[in-house]
Amino acid sequence: MPVTVRWRDFDALGHVNNSVFLSYLEIARDQLMRDVLGDTYLDMVIARIEIDFRAEIPLGTQEITVTCALEQVGNSSVRTQEQVWLPGGDVAAVATSVGVVRNHAMRASRPWTPEERAKLQAALD
């Protein structure tokens, strides 16, 4: 999905600050979950994220592309593979994230419902 690079994303070194990459990945992850599970509230937290930075996003870049794909579905978790692409086609970052769905009232993980699991598995297949 295309993501607009905002002026505030850039730092004094003339490139997008590394912390902003997390926001870009979140936008794509959220869209993936909406596409798979529908436009429903999903209380999910990130338990782990690993990023390999491969190239900077230089000052003046107006738009990047972020991809996100399901990699594995657990009892209450989902692992995704994400990439940030520069306009010229180079990969700026590769990430793996683990999200855990939870019961908001209990503030603890919960298993996927059978309906959620079926949709996630269908998207994975």
C-alpha atoms as a PDB file:
ATOM      1  CA  MET A   1       0.000   0.000   0.000  1.00  0.00           C
ATOM      2  CA  PRO A   2       1.239   3.527  -0.662  1.00  0.00           C
ATOM      3  CA  VAL A   3       2.140   5.598   2.403  1.00  0.00           C
ATOM      4  CA  THR A   4       2.684   9.349   2.322  1.00  0.00           C
ATOM      5  CA  VAL A   5       5.973  10.482   3.854  1.00  0.00           C
ATOM      6  CA  ARG A   6       5.287  13.519   6.025  1.00  0.00           C
ATOM      7  CA  TRP A   7       7.661  16.441   6.562  1.00  0.00           C
ATOM      8  CA  ARG A   8       7.842  15.618  10.279  1.00  0.00           C
ATOM      9  CA  ASP A   9       9.117  12.095   9.475  1.00  0.00           C
ATOM     10  CA  PHE A  10      12.512  13.506   8.492  1.00  0.00           C
ATOM     11  CA  ASP A  11      15.285  14.194  10.981  1.00  0.00           C
ATOM     12  CA  ALA A  12      18.350  16.459  11.037  1.00  0.00           C
ATOM     13  CA  LEU A  13      20.353  13.873   9.094  1.00  0.00           C
ATOM     14  CA  GLY A  14      18.148  14.428   6.045  1.00  0.00           C
ATOM     15  CA  HIS A  15      16.342  11.091   6.043  1.00  0.00           C
ATOM     16  CA  VAL A  16      13.321   9.455   7.665  1.00  0.00           C
ATOM     17  CA  ASN A  17      14.106   8.744  11.298  1.00  0.00           C
ATOM     18  CA  ASN A  18      14.354   5.037  12.096  1.00  0.00           C
ATOM     19  CA  SER A  19      11.591   5.245  14.708  1.00  0.00           C
ATOM     20  CA  VAL A  20       9.101   6.388  12.049  1.00  0.00           C
ATOM     21  CA  PHE A  21       9.487   3.079  10.215  1.00  0.00           C
ATOM     22  CA  LEU A  22       7.424   1.519  13.024  1.00  0.00           C
ATOM     23  CA  SER A  23       4.505   3.777  12.100  1.00  0.00           C
ATOM     24  CA  TYR A  24       4.770   2.850   8.426  1.00  0.00           C
ATOM     25  CA  LEU A  25       4.730  -0.849   9.311  1.00  0.00           C
ATOM     26  CA  GLU A  26       1.748  -0.347  11.626  1.00  0.00           C
ATOM     27  CA  ILE A  27      -0.280   1.293   8.841  1.00  0.00           C
ATOM     28  CA  ALA A  28       0.239  -1.724   6.575  1.00  0.00           C
ATOM     29  CA  ARG A  29      -0.347  -4.254   9.381  1.00  0.00           C
ATOM     30  CA  ASP A  30      -3.609  -2.559  10.368  1.00  0.00           C
ATOM     31  CA  GLN A  31      -4.778  -2.577   6.745  1.00  0.00           C
ATOM     32  CA  LEU A  32      -3.912  -6.263   6.370  1.00  0.00           C
ATOM     33  CA  MET A  33      -5.920  -7.160   9.468  1.00  0.00           C
ATOM     34  CA  ARG A  34      -8.906  -5.104   8.225  1.00  0.00           C
ATOM     35  CA  ASP A  35      -8.676  -6.792   4.819  1.00  0.00           C
ATOM     36  CA  VAL A  36      -8.582 -10.256   6.412  1.00  0.00           C
ATOM     37  CA  LEU A  37     -10.918  -9.881   9.397  1.00  0.00           C
ATOM     38  CA  GLY A  38     -13.155  -7.058   8.226  1.00  0.00           C
ATOM     39  CA  ASP A  39     -13.583  -3.560   9.555  1.00  0.00           C
ATOM     40  CA  THR A  40     -14.002  -4.606  13.161  1.00  0.00           C
ATOM     41  CA  TYR A  41     -12.301  -3.550  16.376  1.00  0.00           C
ATOM     42  CA  LEU A  42      -9.433  -5.893  17.148  1.00  0.00           C
ATOM     43  CA  ASP A  43      -7.568  -5.447  20.425  1.00  0.00           C
ATOM     44  CA  MET A  44      -4.113  -6.548  19.337  1.00  0.00           C
ATOM     45  CA  VAL A  45      -0.723  -5.571  20.696  1.00  0.00           C
ATOM     46  CA  ILE A  46       2.725  -6.025  19.217  1.00  0.00           C
ATOM     47  CA  ALA A  47       4.777  -8.507  21.227  1.00  0.00           C
ATOM     48  CA  ARG A  48       7.846  -8.464  19.005  1.00  0.00           C
ATOM     49  CA  ILE A  49       9.188  -6.579  16.035  1.00  0.00           C
ATOM     50  CA  GLU A  50      12.499  -7.031  14.266  1.00  0.00           C
ATOM     51  CA  ILE A  51      13.674  -4.602  11.581  1.00  0.00           C
ATOM     52  CA  ASP A  52      16.608  -4.795   9.201  1.00  0.00           C
ATOM     53  CA  PHE A  53      17.301  -1.357   7.736  1.00  0.00           C
ATOM     54  CA  ARG A  54      18.669  -1.633   4.200  1.00  0.00           C
ATOM     55  CA  ALA A  55      18.498   1.904   2.788  1.00  0.00           C
ATOM     56  CA  GLU A  56      17.573   5.359   3.967  1.00  0.00           C
ATOM     57  CA  ILE A  57      14.456   7.187   2.876  1.00  0.00           C
ATOM     58  CA  PRO A  58      16.023  10.483   1.786  1.00  0.00           C
ATOM     59  CA  LEU A  59      14.693  13.976   2.280  1.00  0.00           C
ATOM     60  CA  GLY A  60      12.263  14.853  -0.500  1.00  0.00           C
ATOM     61  CA  THR A  61      10.719  11.403  -0.768  1.00  0.00           C
ATOM     62  CA  GLN A  62       6.974  11.943  -0.933  1.00  0.00           C
ATOM     63  CA  GLU A  63       5.625   8.410  -0.960  1.00  0.00           C
ATOM     64  CA  ILE A  64       6.823   4.903  -0.178  1.00  0.00           C
ATOM     65  CA  THR A  65       5.186   1.505  -0.504  1.00  0.00           C
ATOM     66  CA  VAL A  66       4.737  -0.796   2.463  1.00  0.00           C
ATOM     67  CA  THR A  67       3.820  -4.460   2.103  1.00  0.00           C
ATOM     68  CA  CYS A  68       2.590  -6.805   4.804  1.00  0.00           C
ATOM     69  CA  ALA A  69       1.843 -10.524   4.523  1.00  0.00           C
ATOM     70  CA  LEU A  70       0.768 -13.160   6.995  1.00  0.00           C
ATOM     71  CA  GLU A  71       3.522 -15.629   7.799  1.00  0.00           C
ATOM     72  CA  GLN A  72       2.126 -17.722  10.652  1.00  0.00           C
ATOM     73  CA  VAL A  73      -0.982 -17.944  12.831  1.00  0.00           C
ATOM     74  CA  GLY A  74      -0.635 -19.124  16.426  1.00  0.00           C
ATOM     75  CA  ASN A  75      -3.177 -19.760  19.183  1.00  0.00           C
ATOM     76  CA  SER A  76      -3.455 -16.059  20.018  1.00  0.00           C
ATOM     77  CA  SER A  77      -0.777 -14.561  17.800  1.00  0.00           C
ATOM     78  CA  VAL A  78      -0.012 -13.743  14.216  1.00  0.00           C
ATOM     79  CA  ARG A  79       3.401 -13.248  12.638  1.00  0.00           C
ATOM     80  CA  THR A  80       3.719 -10.948   9.642  1.00  0.00           C
ATOM     81  CA  GLN A  81       6.490 -10.197   7.165  1.00  0.00           C
ATOM     82  CA  GLU A  82       6.695  -6.533   6.184  1.00  0.00           C
ATOM     83  CA  GLN A  83       8.744  -4.476   3.744  1.00  0.00           C
ATOM     84  CA  VAL A  84       9.232  -0.761   3.110  1.00  0.00           C
ATOM     85  CA  TRP A  85       9.946   0.043  -0.539  1.00  0.00           C
ATOM     86  CA  LEU A  86      11.469   3.210  -1.983  1.00  0.00           C
ATOM     87  CA  PRO A  87       9.949   4.792  -5.114  1.00  0.00           C
ATOM     88  CA  GLY A  88      12.780   3.426  -7.285  1.00  0.00           C
ATOM     89  CA  GLY A  89      12.096  -0.162  -6.209  1.00  0.00           C
ATOM     90  CA  ASP A  90      14.821  -0.615  -3.579  1.00  0.00           C
ATOM     91  CA  VAL A  91      13.917  -2.110  -0.217  1.00  0.00           C
ATOM     92  CA  ALA A  92      14.476   0.333   2.643  1.00  0.00           C
ATOM     93  CA  ALA A  93      13.575  -2.113   5.435  1.00  0.00           C
ATOM     94  CA  VAL A  94      12.435  -5.664   6.093  1.00  0.00           C
ATOM     95  CA  ALA A  95      10.584  -6.498   9.296  1.00  0.00           C
ATOM     96  CA  THR A  96       8.948  -9.376  11.098  1.00  0.00           C
ATOM     97  CA  SER A  97       6.244  -8.612  13.651  1.00  0.00           C
ATOM     98  CA  VAL A  98       4.343 -10.731  16.138  1.00  0.00           C
ATOM     99  CA  GLY A  99       0.968  -9.428  17.226  1.00  0.00           C
ATOM    100  CA  VAL A 100      -1.103 -10.910  20.043  1.00  0.00           C
ATOM    101  CA  VAL A 101      -4.869 -10.600  20.188  1.00  0.00           C
ATOM    102  CA  ARG A 102      -6.204  -9.930  23.653  1.00  0.00           C
ATOM    103  CA  ASN A 103      -9.221  -9.618  25.858  1.00  0.00           C
ATOM    104  CA  HIS A 104      -9.391  -5.921  26.644  1.00  0.00           C
ATOM    105  CA  ALA A 105     -11.235  -6.301  29.962  1.00  0.00           C
ATOM    106  CA  MET A 106      -8.801  -8.951  31.237  1.00  0.00           C
ATOM    107  CA  ARG A 107      -5.784  -7.197  29.673  1.00  0.00           C
ATOM    108  CA  ALA A 108      -4.464 -10.619  28.709  1.00  0.00           C
ATOM    109  CA  SER A 109      -4.082 -12.648  25.529  1.00  0.00           C
ATOM    110  CA  ARG A 110      -7.027 -14.628  24.251  1.00  0.00           C
ATOM    111  CA  PRO A 111      -7.283 -17.315  21.596  1.00  0.00           C
ATOM    112  CA  TRP A 112      -8.491 -16.432  18.119  1.00  0.00           C
ATOM    113  CA  THR A 113     -12.193 -17.104  17.712  1.00  0.00           C
ATOM    114  CA  PRO A 114     -13.008 -19.926  15.262  1.00  0.00           C
ATOM    115  CA  GLU A 115     -14.267 -17.313  12.769  1.00  0.00           C
ATOM    116  CA  GLU A 116     -11.090 -15.198  13.085  1.00  0.00           C
ATOM    117  CA  ARG A 117      -8.871 -18.279  12.790  1.00  0.00           C
ATOM    118  CA  ALA A 118     -10.707 -19.450   9.664  1.00  0.00           C
ATOM    119  CA  LYS A 119     -10.284 -16.057   7.999  1.00  0.00           C
ATOM    120  CA  LEU A 120      -6.612 -15.836   8.972  1.00  0.00           C
ATOM    121  CA  GLN A 121      -5.919 -19.374   7.777  1.00  0.00           C
ATOM    122  CA  ALA A 122      -7.699 -18.697   4.481  1.00  0.00           C
ATOM    123  CA  ALA A 123      -5.543 -15.597   3.949  1.00  0.00           C
ATOM    124  CA  LEU A 124      -2.412 -17.557   4.857  1.00  0.00           C
ATOM    125  CA  ASP A 125      -3.249 -20.337   2.400  1.00  0.00           C
END
